[in-house]
C-alpha atoms as a PDB file:
ATOM      1  CA  MET A   1     118.201  42.626 -59.359  1.00  0.00           C
ATOM      2  CA  ALA A   2     119.678  43.293 -62.772  1.00  0.00           C
ATOM      3  CA  VAL A   3     120.472  46.821 -63.881  1.00  0.00           C
ATOM      4  CA  ILE A   4     117.602  48.208 -65.935  1.00  0.00           C
ATOM      5  CA  GLU A   5     118.135  50.305 -69.049  1.00  0.00           C
ATOM      6  CA  LEU A   6     116.622  53.725 -68.363  1.00  0.00           C
ATOM      7  CA  THR A   7     114.681  55.333 -71.199  1.00  0.00           C
ATOM      8  CA  GLN A   8     112.280  58.217 -71.736  1.00  0.00           C
ATOM      9  CA  GLU A   9     109.500  55.614 -71.665  1.00  0.00           C
ATOM     10  CA  ASN A  10     110.323  54.090 -68.264  1.00  0.00           C
ATOM     11  CA  ILE A  11     111.932  56.929 -66.271  1.00  0.00           C
ATOM     12  CA  GLU A  12     108.763  58.043 -64.492  1.00  0.00           C
ATOM     13  CA  GLU A  13     107.696  54.484 -63.668  1.00  0.00           C
ATOM     14  CA  THR A  14     111.206  53.619 -62.444  1.00  0.00           C
ATOM     15  CA  ILE A  15     111.442  56.558 -60.029  1.00  0.00           C
ATOM     16  CA  ASN A  16     107.824  56.378 -58.863  1.00  0.00           C
ATOM     17  CA  ASN A  17     107.678  52.606 -58.305  1.00  0.00           C
ATOM     18  CA  ASN A  18     110.953  52.108 -56.426  1.00  0.00           C
ATOM     19  CA  ASP A  19     111.874  53.461 -52.992  1.00  0.00           C
ATOM     20  CA  VAL A  20     115.545  53.787 -53.920  1.00  0.00           C
ATOM     21  CA  VAL A  21     116.927  54.308 -57.428  1.00  0.00           C
ATOM     22  CA  PHE A  22     120.606  54.658 -58.339  1.00  0.00           C
ATOM     23  CA  ILE A  23     121.123  55.945 -61.885  1.00  0.00           C
ATOM     24  CA  ASP A  24     124.403  55.703 -63.775  1.00  0.00           C
ATOM     25  CA  PHE A  25     124.521  58.234 -66.635  1.00  0.00           C
ATOM     26  CA  TRP A  26     127.195  57.097 -69.106  1.00  0.00           C
ATOM     27  CA  ALA A  27     128.235  56.905 -72.756  1.00  0.00           C
ATOM     28  CA  PRO A  28     129.949  54.080 -74.666  1.00  0.00           C
ATOM     29  CA  TRP A  29     132.914  56.268 -75.697  1.00  0.00           C
ATOM     30  CA  CYS A  30     133.667  57.272 -72.072  1.00  0.00           C
ATOM     31  CA  ALA A  31     136.561  55.248 -70.590  1.00  0.00           C
ATOM     32  CA  PRO A  32     135.788  56.150 -66.930  1.00  0.00           C
ATOM     33  CA  CYS A  33     132.147  55.162 -67.572  1.00  0.00           C
ATOM     34  CA  MET A  34     133.209  51.771 -68.863  1.00  0.00           C
ATOM     35  CA  SER A  35     135.571  51.202 -65.929  1.00  0.00           C
ATOM     36  CA  PHE A  36     132.762  52.064 -63.450  1.00  0.00           C
ATOM     37  CA  LYS A  37     130.224  49.721 -65.067  1.00  0.00           C
ATOM     38  CA  PRO A  38     131.460  46.516 -63.307  1.00  0.00           C
ATOM     39  CA  THR A  39     131.287  48.303 -59.923  1.00  0.00           C
ATOM     40  CA  PHE A  40     127.737  49.470 -60.617  1.00  0.00           C
ATOM     41  CA  HIS A  41     126.604  46.007 -61.791  1.00  0.00           C
ATOM     42  CA  ALA A  42     128.270  44.281 -58.815  1.00  0.00           C
ATOM     43  CA  ALA A  43     126.428  46.623 -56.440  1.00  0.00           C
ATOM     44  CA  ALA A  44     123.144  45.804 -58.198  1.00  0.00           C
ATOM     45  CA  GLU A  45     123.774  42.095 -57.580  1.00  0.00           C
ATOM     46  CA  LYS A  46     124.739  42.711 -53.949  1.00  0.00           C
ATOM     47  CA  HIS A  47     121.701  44.942 -53.217  1.00  0.00           C
ATOM     48  CA  PRO A  48     118.643  43.331 -54.860  1.00  0.00           C
ATOM     49  CA  ASP A  49     116.329  45.543 -52.762  1.00  0.00           C
ATOM     50  CA  ILE A  50     117.605  48.664 -54.561  1.00  0.00           C
ATOM     51  CA  CYS A  51     116.786  49.641 -58.144  1.00  0.00           C
ATOM     52  CA  PHE A  52     119.879  50.265 -60.274  1.00  0.00           C
ATOM     53  CA  ALA A  53     119.320  51.923 -63.635  1.00  0.00           C
ATOM     54  CA  SER A  54     121.725  52.743 -66.435  1.00  0.00           C
ATOM     55  CA  CYS A  55     121.178  55.631 -68.845  1.00  0.00           C
ATOM     56  CA  ASN A  56     123.172  55.765 -72.065  1.00  0.00           C
ATOM     57  CA  THR A  57     123.297  59.521 -72.666  1.00  0.00           C
ATOM     58  CA  GLU A  58     124.067  58.996 -76.356  1.00  0.00           C
ATOM     59  CA  GLU A  59     120.806  57.116 -76.903  1.00  0.00           C
ATOM     60  CA  GLN A  60     118.759  59.022 -74.303  1.00  0.00           C
ATOM     61  CA  GLN A  61     119.798  62.609 -74.921  1.00  0.00           C
ATOM     62  CA  GLU A  62     116.438  63.921 -73.653  1.00  0.00           C
ATOM     63  CA  LEU A  63     117.049  62.310 -70.259  1.00  0.00           C
ATOM     64  CA  GLY A  64     120.567  63.692 -70.100  1.00  0.00           C
ATOM     65  CA  ALA A  65     119.159  67.150 -70.782  1.00  0.00           C
ATOM     66  CA  MET A  66     116.269  66.693 -68.345  1.00  0.00           C
ATOM     67  CA  PHE A  67     118.680  65.834 -65.521  1.00  0.00           C
ATOM     68  CA  GLN A  68     121.214  68.463 -66.676  1.00  0.00           C
ATOM     69  CA  ILE A  69     124.019  65.940 -67.083  1.00  0.00           C
ATOM     70  CA  ARG A  70     127.147  67.936 -67.954  1.00  0.00           C
ATOM     71  CA  SER A  71     129.824  65.295 -67.433  1.00  0.00           C
ATOM     72  CA  ILE A  72     129.881  61.545 -67.324  1.00  0.00           C
ATOM     73  CA  PRO A  73     129.791  59.267 -65.606  1.00  0.00           C
ATOM     74  CA  THR A  74     127.305  60.892 -63.246  1.00  0.00           C
ATOM     75  CA  ILE A  75     125.637  59.013 -60.427  1.00  0.00           C
ATOM     76  CA  MET A  76     122.221  60.223 -59.329  1.00  0.00           C
ATOM     77  CA  VAL A  77     120.143  58.813 -56.474  1.00  0.00           C
ATOM     78  CA  PHE A  78     116.429  59.086 -55.750  1.00  0.00           C
ATOM     79  CA  ARG A  79     114.744  58.008 -52.526  1.00  0.00           C
ATOM     80  CA  GLU A  80     110.975  58.131 -52.263  1.00  0.00           C
ATOM     81  CA  GLN A  81     110.876  60.101 -55.536  1.00  0.00           C
ATOM     82  CA  VAL A  82     113.251  62.778 -54.171  1.00  0.00           C
ATOM     83  CA  GLY A  83     116.646  63.402 -55.733  1.00  0.00           C
ATOM     84  CA  ILE A  84     119.054  63.230 -52.794  1.00  0.00           C
ATOM     85  CA  PHE A  85     122.443  62.827 -54.502  1.00  0.00           C
ATOM     86  CA  ALA A  86     124.106  63.678 -57.801  1.00  0.00           C
ATOM     87  CA  GLN A  87     127.819  63.630 -58.524  1.00  0.00           C
ATOM     88  CA  PRO A  88     129.948  63.265 -61.624  1.00  0.00           C
ATOM     89  CA  GLY A  89     132.839  60.842 -61.591  1.00  0.00           C
ATOM     90  CA  ALA A  90     133.403  57.136 -61.259  1.00  0.00           C
ATOM     91  CA  LEU A  91     133.713  55.765 -57.741  1.00  0.00           C
ATOM     92  CA  PRO A  92     135.881  52.862 -56.649  1.00  0.00           C
ATOM     93  CA  PRO A  93     133.904  49.889 -55.248  1.00  0.00           C
ATOM     94  CA  GLU A  94     134.531  50.764 -51.579  1.00  0.00           C
ATOM     95  CA  ALA A  95     133.412  54.376 -52.032  1.00  0.00           C
ATOM     96  CA  PHE A  96     130.315  53.291 -53.962  1.00  0.00           C
ATOM     97  CA  GLU A  97     129.383  50.857 -51.163  1.00  0.00           C
ATOM     98  CA  GLU A  98     129.852  53.677 -48.658  1.00  0.00           C
ATOM     99  CA  LEU A  99     127.543  55.886 -50.740  1.00  0.00           C
ATOM    100  CA  ILE A 100     124.893  53.147 -50.798  1.00  0.00           C
ATOM    101  CA  THR A 101     125.114  52.822 -47.007  1.00  0.00           C
ATOM    102  CA  LYS A 102     124.796  56.581 -46.500  1.00  0.00           C
ATOM    103  CA  VAL A 103     121.840  56.824 -48.886  1.00  0.00           C
ATOM    104  CA  MET A 104     120.032  54.113 -46.942  1.00  0.00           C
ATOM    105  CA  GLU A 105     120.704  55.974 -43.659  1.00  0.00           C
ATOM    106  CA  VAL A 106     119.080  59.238 -44.820  1.00  0.00           C
ATOM    107  CA  ASP A 107     116.071  60.152 -42.668  1.00  0.00           C
ATOM    108  CA  MET A 108     113.471  60.632 -45.387  1.00  0.00           C
ATOM    109  CA  ALA A 109     110.838  61.948 -42.948  1.00  0.00           C
ATOM    110  CA  GLU A 110     113.237  64.821 -42.245  1.00  0.00           C
ATOM    111  CA  VAL A 111     113.879  65.333 -45.984  1.00  0.00           C
ATOM    112  CA  HIS A 112     110.137  65.460 -46.758  1.00  0.00           C
ATOM    113  CA  ALA A 113     109.555  67.878 -43.845  1.00  0.00           C
ATOM    114  CA  GLN A 114     112.313  70.167 -45.155  1.00  0.00           C
ATOM    115  CA  ILE A 115     110.811  70.083 -48.671  1.00  0.00           C
ATOM    116  CA  GLN A 116     107.377  70.997 -47.307  1.00  0.00           C
ATOM    117  CA  LYS A 117     108.870  73.838 -45.284  1.00  0.00           C
ATOM    118  CA  GLU A 118     110.709  75.211 -48.334  1.00  0.00           C
ATOM    119  CA  GLN A 119     107.612  74.919 -50.503  1.00  0.00           C
ATOM    120  CA  GLY A 120     105.568  76.776 -47.876  1.00  0.00           C
ATOM    121  CA  GLU A 121     108.144  79.569 -47.700  1.00  0.00           C
ATOM    122  CA  ALA A 122     108.230  79.817 -51.501  1.00  0.00           C
ATOM    123  CA  GLN A 123     104.450  80.166 -51.658  1.00  0.00           C
ATOM    124  CA  GLN A 124     104.523  82.952 -49.077  1.00  0.00           C
ATOM    125  CA  ALA A 125     107.211  84.873 -50.944  1.00  0.00           C
END
């Protein structure tokens, strides 16, 4: 699957309609962002079952603000509409592949149960 360009118009649809979404927040003036781009695109080709999205924070400033992006590149991952990972910094190809593997190993039933528990405790407080 090709990397999709993430915009204000397609963010909700992208996260809601894909089980796994990796987002690369970047800017064209950012050298580490540009050096990470080939790694991100290669992973998208290698993992067609995963949605890879790219967000140019210069053009999509609202999205950068919405996700509180403070430094770039930042990688953010959603599984089943839940944000499970966010980290600034470019990763080398091996580390990015390891991240993909770990994301796919996350027990989402456990994650959803923990979210429900926390929401229940918050409502009681």
